[in-house]
Amino acid sequence: QVQLVESGGGLVQAGGSLRLSCADSGRTDSTYIMGWFRQAPGKEREFVAAVSRSGGARVYADSVKGRFTISREKAKNTVYLQMNTLKPEDAAVYYCAARTSLLFRNLSGMDKYDYWGQGTQVTVSS
């Protein structure tokens, strides 16, 4: 059973950085495509980034390209989201998600993911 736990959220000033972590504490040897989504108050949950099973391929939403980096550390069953040059509009609850399909495409839809974490809050002050 996959159990995703996010951490690393907090309050940061605009222009600052945060690194989010997503640890899978439930399973032992499966590797999934992993994604990050975010949801701001009153808005729909939106795709942020995804990383392939090997970690060699990544995709990003246009709004975060060049500022955010997704990566994974297989030995720790952990996926990271390094967020730099944060803007007030980046403030949201950030969720990680696991996709059991082997296909690394069409990754921006919430329905493409099978497991979700509980989220971690990111607040950006202007």
Foldseek 3Di string as FASTA:
>chain_A
DWAWAKDWADEEAQQAKTKMKIATPPDDDDFFKKFKWWDAPPGDIWGAKIAARVQPDMDGDPVQPPFWDWGDDVVRRMIMIIGGNDDQVVWGWMKMFTAHDNDPPPPIDPVRTDDIYPTDTHGYHD
